[in-house]
Protein backbone atom coordinates (compact mmCIF):
# COMPACT_ATOMS: atom_id res chain seq x y z
CA MET A 1 1.59 -6.48 0.85
CA ALA A 2 -1.39 -8.41 2.33
CA THR A 3 0.13 -11.58 1.93
CA GLY A 4 3.27 -10.08 3.81
CA PHE A 5 1.16 -8.54 6.81
CA GLY A 6 -0.73 -12.12 6.96
CA PHE A 7 2.44 -13.88 7.19
CA ILE A 8 3.85 -11.44 9.92
CA ALA A 9 0.57 -12.29 12.01
CA LEU A 10 1.43 -16.07 11.55
CA ALA A 11 5.31 -15.80 11.92
CA ASN A 12 6.44 -18.30 14.62
CA SER A 13 10.02 -18.30 13.01
CA ILE A 14 12.55 -16.38 11.51
CA TRP A 15 12.44 -17.91 8.05
CA MET A 16 8.52 -17.42 8.07
CA MET A 17 9.31 -13.71 9.27
CA ALA A 18 11.91 -13.25 6.62
CA LEU A 19 9.38 -14.76 3.89
CA ALA A 20 6.61 -12.31 5.26
CA MET A 21 9.13 -9.59 4.89
CA THR A 22 10.03 -10.57 1.15
CA PHE A 23 6.33 -10.39 0.17
CA LEU A 24 5.66 -7.42 2.12
CA SER A 25 8.79 -5.48 0.30
CA VAL A 26 7.92 -6.76 -3.29
CA GLY A 27 4.29 -5.68 -2.61
CA ASN A 28 5.49 -2.31 -1.59
CA ALA A 29 8.04 -1.95 -4.82
CA PHE A 30 5.11 -2.84 -7.11
CA THR A 31 2.51 -0.61 -5.21
CA ASN A 32 4.11 2.92 -4.68
CA PRO A 33 4.99 3.43 -8.39
CA SER A 34 1.67 2.27 -9.73
CA VAL A 35 -0.23 4.56 -7.23
CA LEU A 36 1.84 7.57 -8.29
CA GLY A 37 1.61 6.82 -11.87
CA SER A 38 -2.17 6.37 -11.68
CA ILE A 39 -2.28 9.52 -9.99
CA SER A 40 -0.30 11.44 -12.66
CA LEU A 41 -2.42 9.77 -15.27
CA ILE A 42 -5.89 10.97 -14.08
CA THR A 43 -4.60 14.46 -12.81
CA PRO A 44 -4.56 17.46 -15.06
CA ALA A 45 -0.86 18.58 -15.81
CA ASP A 46 -1.55 21.91 -14.07
CA LYS A 47 -2.47 20.04 -10.83
CA GLN A 48 -0.15 17.36 -10.83
CA GLY A 49 2.37 19.16 -8.44
CA VAL A 50 -0.45 19.82 -5.72
CA THR A 51 -2.08 16.40 -6.14
CA LEU A 52 1.22 14.46 -5.98
CA GLY A 53 2.44 16.72 -3.07
CA THR A 54 -0.75 15.92 -1.35
CA THR A 55 -0.60 12.33 -1.98
CA GLN A 56 2.89 12.26 -0.51
CA SER A 57 1.96 14.32 2.57
CA LEU A 58 -0.94 11.95 3.48
CA SER A 59 1.26 9.08 2.89
CA ALA A 60 3.76 10.44 5.52
CA LEU A 61 0.68 11.21 7.72
CA GLY A 62 -0.07 7.29 7.42
CA ARG A 63 3.38 6.41 8.47
CA VAL A 64 2.87 8.65 11.58
CA ILE A 65 -0.21 7.51 12.74
CA GLY A 66 -0.11 3.91 11.54
CA PRO A 67 2.39 2.72 13.87
CA ALA A 68 0.70 4.80 16.73
CA LEU A 69 -2.58 2.79 16.02
CA GLY A 70 -0.61 -0.41 15.64
CA THR A 71 0.73 -0.11 18.87
CA LEU A 72 -2.92 0.62 20.38
CA LEU A 73 -4.14 -2.65 18.79
CA PHE A 74 -1.00 -4.58 19.73
CA GLY A 75 -1.57 -3.74 23.41
CA ALA A 76 -5.38 -3.89 23.49
CA VAL A 77 -5.95 -7.08 21.32
CA SER A 78 -3.08 -9.08 20.63
CA PHE A 79 0.28 -9.21 18.98
CA SER A 80 -1.46 -10.26 15.41
CA ALA A 81 -4.12 -7.81 15.29
CA PRO A 82 -2.45 -5.08 13.46
CA PHE A 83 -1.16 -7.38 10.96
CA TRP A 84 -4.52 -8.86 10.30
CA ILE A 85 -6.24 -5.53 10.22
CA GLY A 86 -3.48 -4.27 7.76
CA SER A 87 -4.03 -7.14 5.54
CA LEU A 88 -7.68 -6.87 5.49
CA LEU A 89 -7.38 -3.16 4.42
CA LEU A 90 -5.09 -3.95 1.65
CA ILE A 91 -7.24 -6.46 0.42
CA LEU A 92 -10.12 -4.01 0.44
CA ASN A 93 -8.13 -1.44 -1.46
CA VAL A 94 -8.16 -4.25 -4.21
CA PHE A 95 -11.61 -4.02 -4.79
CA VAL A 96 -11.42 -0.41 -4.67
CA VAL A 97 -8.57 -0.26 -7.58
CA MET A 98 -10.69 -2.81 -9.40
CA LYS A 99 -13.68 -0.65 -9.22
CA TYR A 100 -11.91 2.52 -10.51
CA TYR A 101 -9.48 0.94 -12.79
CA SER A 102 -11.38 1.02 -16.10
CA GLN A 103 -11.20 5.17 -15.41
CA LEU A 104 -7.49 5.45 -15.88
CA PRO A 105 -6.53 6.89 -19.27
CA ALA A 106 -4.56 4.75 -21.74
CA SER A 107 -0.78 5.63 -21.35
CA ASN A 108 0.38 7.39 -24.49
CA VAL A 109 4.26 6.13 -23.94
CA LYS A 110 5.82 5.10 -27.05
CA THR A 111 8.00 2.13 -26.65
CA ALA A 112 11.62 1.58 -28.43
CA SER A 113 11.17 -0.92 -31.30
C-alpha cells in the first residue's frame, strides 16, 4: 500500500496512476484480512465481538477523517502531500508490525492433506 501511495504522488500519466492503484488495491487486499485475523488471534473468545466491532468502527472513522485531512494537506501543502504522508505512515506501521509480530500466537488451523 505504501508503494501505491508513493506512486500516486509521482504519477504523471494515466498508466502510472493505474500501476499505483494496482499496488494500492493488492496491498489493501493483503492487509485487511491479516489485520482482522491477527486481532482475532490475540483477543480472548469472549471479547472478539467487541474488539472486532471496535476495530471496524475505528476503520470507518478513519475513512471519514482521512479524506478531510487529505483535503487540508492538498490545499495547504501540495497535491502529493497526502500521498507522501500516507506512505510514510504505512511504512511506520511495518515497523510496528515487526515489533509485535512475535506476540501473535501460532494458528491451530489444520490443513487438508
